[in-house]
Structures are given as C-alpha cells and as structure tokens.
C-alpha cells in the first residue's frame, strides 16, 4: 500500500528540522504537466513542541521512500481549532513569477561590445 514516508519542515535560518508526518491532515499535492509550480497544501495540528511554521520554511515530502516534493511555505493560516493551514510551492514558483524590474538602465551597443565574439 502506498504511503507517506516523510513530511518534514526545516525552519528558516536554523538547522532545526521538524517531522510533522503524524500531525498532518487534509494533504493535497498538485503538479501539472504545463510547467506550473507544484503545490502542496496540508493542515498541521498545533502541538506544544516549540514549532510554529513560518513563510520561507523548507518542506520535504517523500512518498513510498521517493522524494516527490521540495519547496517553501508561502501561505499560513491559523484556525481556532488549533490547526495551521499551510501552502507550499516548489522552486518553479520562482521561475513563473510575473514581477518586473523597472527603471533599470538599458545597455547601449557600446556597453555590450566587450561580450561580442
């Protein structure tokens, strides 16, 4: 029978890793073939172990011993019934961003001359 073998979170800026496999519920993993970022959503029961998820924390998931997801927490919700709702995206999220940099100088032809072959 197929099963979740690893679900862990590495706290940003720390070497601390939290095994949350037994605390996770309502898990969903979506990865389409259209080069969209993989999305992992799940709820985590709050326990008094000193862990609170933060945006930017790394999430690792393995299924039947095969690593299927590595990404970062982007959204966190908290409900009154002591549950965190977490959404994490893999690294393709960064490549698909629609952010633009504006106001940057445009290089002239002379600026590019040293790179010409």
N, C-alpha and C. Protein backbone atom coordinates (compact mmCIF):
# COMPACT_ATOMS: atom_id res chain seq x y z
N UNK A 1 0.84 -1.18 0.00
CA UNK A 1 0.00 0.00 0.00
C UNK A 1 0.89 1.25 0.00
N UNK A 2 0.57 2.21 -0.85
CA UNK A 2 1.33 3.45 -0.94
C UNK A 2 1.10 4.28 0.31
N UNK A 3 2.20 4.90 0.77
CA UNK A 3 2.06 5.71 1.98
C UNK A 3 3.06 6.85 2.02
N UNK A 4 2.70 7.85 2.78
CA UNK A 4 3.57 8.98 3.04
C UNK A 4 4.71 8.50 3.95
N UNK A 5 5.96 8.67 3.49
CA UNK A 5 7.07 8.20 4.31
C UNK A 5 7.78 9.35 5.01
N UNK A 6 7.75 10.55 4.44
CA UNK A 6 8.39 11.70 5.07
C UNK A 6 7.58 12.95 4.82
N UNK A 7 7.38 13.72 5.85
CA UNK A 7 6.87 15.08 5.73
C UNK A 7 7.57 15.87 6.82
N UNK A 8 8.47 16.73 6.41
CA UNK A 8 9.24 17.48 7.40
C UNK A 8 9.39 18.93 6.97
N UNK A 9 9.66 19.77 7.96
CA UNK A 9 9.86 21.21 7.73
C UNK A 9 11.17 21.60 8.38
N UNK A 10 12.00 22.29 7.61
CA UNK A 10 13.23 22.87 8.14
C UNK A 10 12.97 24.34 8.40
N UNK A 11 13.15 24.75 9.64
CA UNK A 11 12.92 26.15 9.99
C UNK A 11 13.96 27.04 9.33
N UNK A 12 13.48 28.14 8.75
CA UNK A 12 14.36 29.09 8.07
C UNK A 12 15.38 29.66 9.04
N UNK A 13 16.62 29.72 8.61
CA UNK A 13 17.66 30.31 9.44
C UNK A 13 18.10 29.44 10.60
N UNK A 14 17.76 28.16 10.54
CA UNK A 14 18.07 27.26 11.64
C UNK A 14 18.37 25.88 11.07
N UNK A 15 19.06 25.08 11.82
CA UNK A 15 19.30 23.70 11.39
C UNK A 15 18.22 22.77 11.93
N UNK A 16 17.24 23.33 12.62
CA UNK A 16 16.16 22.54 13.23
C UNK A 16 15.23 21.97 12.17
N UNK A 17 14.99 20.66 12.22
CA UNK A 17 14.06 20.00 11.32
C UNK A 17 12.94 19.38 12.14
N UNK A 18 11.72 19.56 11.67
CA UNK A 18 10.54 19.05 12.39
C UNK A 18 9.87 17.97 11.55
N UNK A 19 9.69 16.81 12.13
CA UNK A 19 8.96 15.71 11.49
C UNK A 19 7.48 15.91 11.82
N UNK A 20 6.70 16.28 10.82
CA UNK A 20 5.28 16.59 11.07
C UNK A 20 4.35 15.57 10.42
N UNK A 21 4.90 14.47 9.96
CA UNK A 21 4.10 13.44 9.27
C UNK A 21 2.87 13.01 10.07
N UNK A 22 3.05 12.78 11.35
CA UNK A 22 1.93 12.28 12.16
C UNK A 22 0.94 13.39 12.53
N UNK A 23 1.28 14.64 12.28
CA UNK A 23 0.41 15.76 12.64
C UNK A 23 -0.36 16.33 11.45
N UNK A 24 -0.02 15.89 10.23
CA UNK A 24 -0.60 16.47 9.02
C UNK A 24 -1.91 15.78 8.64
N UNK A 25 -2.86 16.60 8.19
CA UNK A 25 -4.15 16.10 7.70
C UNK A 25 -4.52 16.89 6.44
N UNK A 26 -5.54 16.44 5.74
CA UNK A 26 -6.08 17.13 4.56
C UNK A 26 -4.99 17.49 3.55
N UNK A 27 -4.10 16.57 3.28
CA UNK A 27 -2.98 16.83 2.39
C UNK A 27 -3.39 16.73 0.93
N UNK A 28 -2.87 17.66 0.12
CA UNK A 28 -3.10 17.65 -1.32
C UNK A 28 -1.82 18.09 -2.02
N UNK A 29 -1.42 17.32 -3.03
CA UNK A 29 -0.24 17.67 -3.83
C UNK A 29 -0.66 17.74 -5.28
N UNK A 30 -0.41 18.89 -5.92
CA UNK A 30 -0.80 19.10 -7.30
C UNK A 30 0.42 19.53 -8.10
N UNK A 31 0.67 18.81 -9.17
CA UNK A 31 1.74 19.17 -10.10
C UNK A 31 1.20 18.85 -11.47
N UNK A 32 1.09 19.88 -12.31
CA UNK A 32 0.56 19.62 -13.65
C UNK A 32 1.69 19.51 -14.66
N UNK A 33 1.35 19.08 -15.84
CA UNK A 33 2.37 18.88 -16.88
C UNK A 33 2.60 20.14 -17.70
N UNK A 34 2.04 21.26 -17.27
CA UNK A 34 2.16 22.51 -18.00
C UNK A 34 3.22 23.41 -17.39
N UNK A 35 4.20 22.82 -16.72
CA UNK A 35 5.33 23.52 -16.11
C UNK A 35 4.90 24.54 -15.06
N UNK A 36 3.78 24.30 -14.41
CA UNK A 36 3.37 25.15 -13.29
C UNK A 36 4.06 24.64 -12.03
N UNK A 37 4.19 25.51 -11.08
CA UNK A 37 4.83 25.12 -9.81
C UNK A 37 3.99 24.05 -9.11
N UNK A 38 4.67 23.09 -8.50
CA UNK A 38 3.97 22.10 -7.69
C UNK A 38 3.47 22.77 -6.42
N UNK A 39 2.27 22.38 -5.99
CA UNK A 39 1.65 22.97 -4.80
C UNK A 39 1.31 21.86 -3.81
N UNK A 40 1.76 22.03 -2.59
CA UNK A 40 1.45 21.10 -1.52
C UNK A 40 0.69 21.87 -0.45
N UNK A 41 -0.52 21.40 -0.15
CA UNK A 41 -1.31 22.03 0.91
C UNK A 41 -1.62 20.96 1.96
N UNK A 42 -1.65 21.40 3.21
CA UNK A 42 -1.97 20.48 4.29
C UNK A 42 -2.28 21.28 5.55
N UNK A 43 -2.95 20.62 6.47
CA UNK A 43 -3.21 21.18 7.80
C UNK A 43 -2.29 20.48 8.78
N UNK A 44 -1.85 21.22 9.78
CA UNK A 44 -0.99 20.65 10.82
C UNK A 44 -1.59 21.00 12.16
N UNK A 45 -1.80 20.00 12.99
CA UNK A 45 -2.30 20.24 14.34
C UNK A 45 -1.22 20.92 15.16
N UNK A 46 -1.61 21.93 15.90
CA UNK A 46 -0.65 22.63 16.75
C UNK A 46 -0.38 21.77 17.98
N UNK A 47 0.89 21.58 18.24
CA UNK A 47 1.31 20.86 19.45
C UNK A 47 2.31 21.74 20.17
N UNK A 48 2.44 21.52 21.42
CA UNK A 48 3.33 22.35 22.23
C UNK A 48 4.75 21.81 22.20
N UNK A 49 5.37 21.87 21.01
CA UNK A 49 6.75 21.41 20.88
C UNK A 49 7.67 22.55 20.48
N UNK A 50 7.18 23.76 20.48
CA UNK A 50 8.01 24.90 20.15
C UNK A 50 8.09 25.21 18.67
N UNK A 51 7.32 24.52 17.83
CA UNK A 51 7.38 24.76 16.39
C UNK A 51 6.18 25.57 15.93
N UNK A 52 6.47 26.63 15.20
CA UNK A 52 5.45 27.42 14.53
C UNK A 52 5.92 27.60 13.09
N UNK A 53 5.11 27.22 12.10
CA UNK A 53 5.55 27.38 10.71
C UNK A 53 5.72 28.85 10.34
N UNK A 54 6.71 29.12 9.50
CA UNK A 54 6.99 30.48 9.03
C UNK A 54 7.08 30.48 7.51
N UNK A 55 6.68 31.57 6.89
CA UNK A 55 6.89 31.71 5.45
C UNK A 55 8.37 31.57 5.15
N UNK A 56 8.69 30.80 4.13
CA UNK A 56 10.08 30.57 3.75
C UNK A 56 10.67 29.29 4.31
N UNK A 57 9.99 28.64 5.26
CA UNK A 57 10.49 27.36 5.77
C UNK A 57 10.47 26.33 4.64
N UNK A 58 11.46 25.44 4.64
CA UNK A 58 11.54 24.38 3.64
C UNK A 58 10.61 23.22 4.01
N UNK A 59 9.96 22.66 2.99
CA UNK A 59 9.09 21.50 3.19
C UNK A 59 9.62 20.36 2.32
N UNK A 60 9.76 19.18 2.92
CA UNK A 60 10.23 17.99 2.23
C UNK A 60 9.17 16.91 2.37
N UNK A 61 8.84 16.24 1.24
CA UNK A 61 7.87 15.15 1.29
C UNK A 61 8.37 13.99 0.45
N UNK A 62 8.27 12.80 1.01
CA UNK A 62 8.58 11.56 0.29
C UNK A 62 7.36 10.65 0.34
N UNK A 63 7.14 9.94 -0.76
CA UNK A 63 6.03 9.00 -0.86
C UNK A 63 6.62 7.65 -1.24
N UNK A 64 6.37 6.65 -0.43
CA UNK A 64 6.95 5.32 -0.63
C UNK A 64 8.48 5.40 -0.77
N UNK A 65 9.11 6.26 0.00
CA UNK A 65 10.56 6.38 0.00
C UNK A 65 11.13 7.20 -1.14
N UNK A 66 10.29 7.72 -2.02
CA UNK A 66 10.74 8.52 -3.16
C UNK A 66 10.47 9.99 -2.87
N UNK A 67 11.51 10.82 -2.99
CA UNK A 67 11.33 12.27 -2.77
C UNK A 67 10.48 12.84 -3.89
N UNK A 68 9.33 13.40 -3.53
CA UNK A 68 8.42 13.93 -4.55
C UNK A 68 8.22 15.44 -4.44
N UNK A 69 8.59 16.04 -3.31
CA UNK A 69 8.38 17.48 -3.17
C UNK A 69 9.46 18.10 -2.30
N UNK A 70 9.98 19.20 -2.78
CA UNK A 70 10.85 20.08 -2.00
C UNK A 70 10.46 21.49 -2.36
N UNK A 71 10.02 22.25 -1.38
CA UNK A 71 9.57 23.61 -1.66
C UNK A 71 9.60 24.45 -0.41
N UNK A 72 8.91 25.59 -0.49
CA UNK A 72 8.92 26.58 0.57
C UNK A 72 7.49 26.99 0.94
N UNK A 73 7.28 27.24 2.22
CA UNK A 73 5.97 27.71 2.68
C UNK A 73 5.74 29.13 2.18
N UNK A 74 4.59 29.33 1.55
CA UNK A 74 4.20 30.65 1.04
C UNK A 74 2.99 31.22 1.77
N UNK A 75 2.12 30.36 2.28
CA UNK A 75 0.91 30.83 2.95
C UNK A 75 0.68 30.02 4.21
N UNK A 76 0.27 30.72 5.27
CA UNK A 76 -0.05 30.05 6.54
C UNK A 76 -1.34 30.65 7.07
N UNK A 77 -2.25 29.81 7.42
CA UNK A 77 -3.47 30.25 8.10
C UNK A 77 -3.54 29.55 9.45
N UNK A 78 -4.30 30.14 10.36
CA UNK A 78 -4.45 29.52 11.67
C UNK A 78 -5.92 29.59 12.06
N UNK A 79 -6.46 28.47 12.50
CA UNK A 79 -7.87 28.44 12.89
C UNK A 79 -7.98 28.26 14.39
N UNK A 80 -9.13 28.57 14.91
CA UNK A 80 -9.37 28.48 16.34
C UNK A 80 -9.32 27.07 16.89
N UNK A 81 -9.41 26.07 16.00
CA UNK A 81 -9.34 24.69 16.47
C UNK A 81 -7.90 24.16 16.47
N UNK A 82 -6.95 25.07 16.65
CA UNK A 82 -5.53 24.75 16.81
C UNK A 82 -4.94 24.01 15.62
N UNK A 83 -5.25 24.53 14.41
CA UNK A 83 -4.71 23.97 13.19
C UNK A 83 -4.06 25.07 12.36
N UNK A 84 -2.88 24.76 11.82
CA UNK A 84 -2.26 25.61 10.82
C UNK A 84 -2.63 25.05 9.45
N UNK A 85 -3.05 25.92 8.53
CA UNK A 85 -3.27 25.53 7.14
C UNK A 85 -2.09 26.07 6.34
N UNK A 86 -1.37 25.20 5.66
CA UNK A 86 -0.12 25.57 5.02
C UNK A 86 -0.19 25.31 3.53
N UNK A 87 0.34 26.25 2.75
CA UNK A 87 0.52 26.08 1.32
C UNK A 87 1.98 26.29 1.01
N UNK A 88 2.58 25.31 0.35
CA UNK A 88 3.99 25.39 -0.05
C UNK A 88 4.07 25.17 -1.56
N UNK A 89 5.04 25.84 -2.19
CA UNK A 89 5.28 25.69 -3.62
C UNK A 89 6.71 25.25 -3.85
N UNK A 90 6.93 24.48 -4.92
CA UNK A 90 8.29 24.10 -5.25
C UNK A 90 9.00 25.26 -5.95
N UNK A 91 10.24 25.02 -6.36
CA UNK A 91 11.07 26.12 -6.87
C UNK A 91 10.59 26.68 -8.21
N UNK A 92 9.73 25.98 -8.93
CA UNK A 92 9.20 26.54 -10.17
C UNK A 92 8.38 27.80 -9.92
N UNK A 93 7.91 27.97 -8.71
CA UNK A 93 7.16 29.17 -8.34
C UNK A 93 7.99 30.43 -8.62
N UNK A 94 9.28 30.34 -8.37
CA UNK A 94 10.16 31.49 -8.59
C UNK A 94 10.36 31.78 -10.07
N UNK A 95 10.36 30.74 -10.89
CA UNK A 95 10.57 30.93 -12.32
C UNK A 95 9.33 31.45 -13.02
N UNK A 96 8.17 31.24 -12.43
CA UNK A 96 6.91 31.65 -13.05
C UNK A 96 6.41 33.00 -12.56
N UNK A 97 7.20 33.71 -11.78
CA UNK A 97 6.76 34.98 -11.23
C UNK A 97 6.52 36.01 -12.33
N UNK A 98 5.63 36.92 -12.08
CA UNK A 98 5.32 37.97 -13.04
C UNK A 98 5.86 39.31 -12.59
N UNK A 99 6.79 39.29 -11.67
CA UNK A 99 7.40 40.51 -11.18
C UNK A 99 8.29 41.11 -12.25
N UNK A 100 8.24 42.44 -12.39
CA UNK A 100 9.09 43.14 -13.34
C UNK A 100 9.99 44.10 -12.61
N UNK A 101 11.15 44.26 -13.14
CA UNK A 101 12.04 45.30 -12.65
C UNK A 101 11.92 46.46 -13.63
N UNK A 102 11.63 47.63 -13.12
CA UNK A 102 11.52 48.78 -14.00
C UNK A 102 12.48 49.86 -13.52
N UNK A 103 12.80 50.76 -14.43
CA UNK A 103 13.68 51.86 -14.09
C UNK A 103 15.15 51.49 -14.19
N UNK A 104 15.44 50.28 -14.71
CA UNK A 104 16.83 49.88 -14.89
C UNK A 104 17.36 50.48 -16.18
N UNK A 105 18.63 50.87 -16.20
CA UNK A 105 19.18 51.43 -17.44
C UNK A 105 19.29 50.37 -18.52
N UNK A 106 19.01 50.75 -19.74
CA UNK A 106 19.12 49.85 -20.87
C UNK A 106 20.54 49.97 -21.42
N UNK A 107 21.25 48.86 -21.54
CA UNK A 107 22.63 48.96 -22.03
C UNK A 107 22.67 49.41 -23.48
N UNK A 108 23.67 50.23 -23.80
CA UNK A 108 23.84 50.67 -25.18
C UNK A 108 24.67 49.64 -25.92
N UNK A 109 24.74 49.80 -27.21
CA UNK A 109 25.52 48.89 -28.05
C UNK A 109 26.99 48.87 -27.59
N UNK A 110 27.53 50.01 -27.18
CA UNK A 110 28.92 50.08 -26.73
C UNK A 110 29.13 49.31 -25.44
N UNK A 111 28.11 49.27 -24.58
CA UNK A 111 28.24 48.52 -23.34
C UNK A 111 28.35 47.03 -23.59
N UNK A 112 27.76 46.57 -24.68
CA UNK A 112 27.74 45.14 -24.99
C UNK A 112 28.93 44.71 -25.83
N UNK A 113 29.70 45.66 -26.36
CA UNK A 113 30.83 45.35 -27.25
C UNK A 113 31.82 44.36 -26.65
N UNK A 114 32.19 44.47 -25.35
CA UNK A 114 33.16 43.51 -24.82
C UNK A 114 32.67 42.06 -24.85
N UNK A 115 31.36 41.84 -24.96
CA UNK A 115 30.81 40.49 -24.97
C UNK A 115 30.66 39.92 -26.36
N UNK A 116 30.88 40.75 -27.40
CA UNK A 116 30.74 40.30 -28.77
C UNK A 116 31.88 39.35 -29.11
N UNK A 117 31.60 38.39 -29.95
CA UNK A 117 32.66 37.44 -30.33
C UNK A 117 33.07 37.66 -31.76
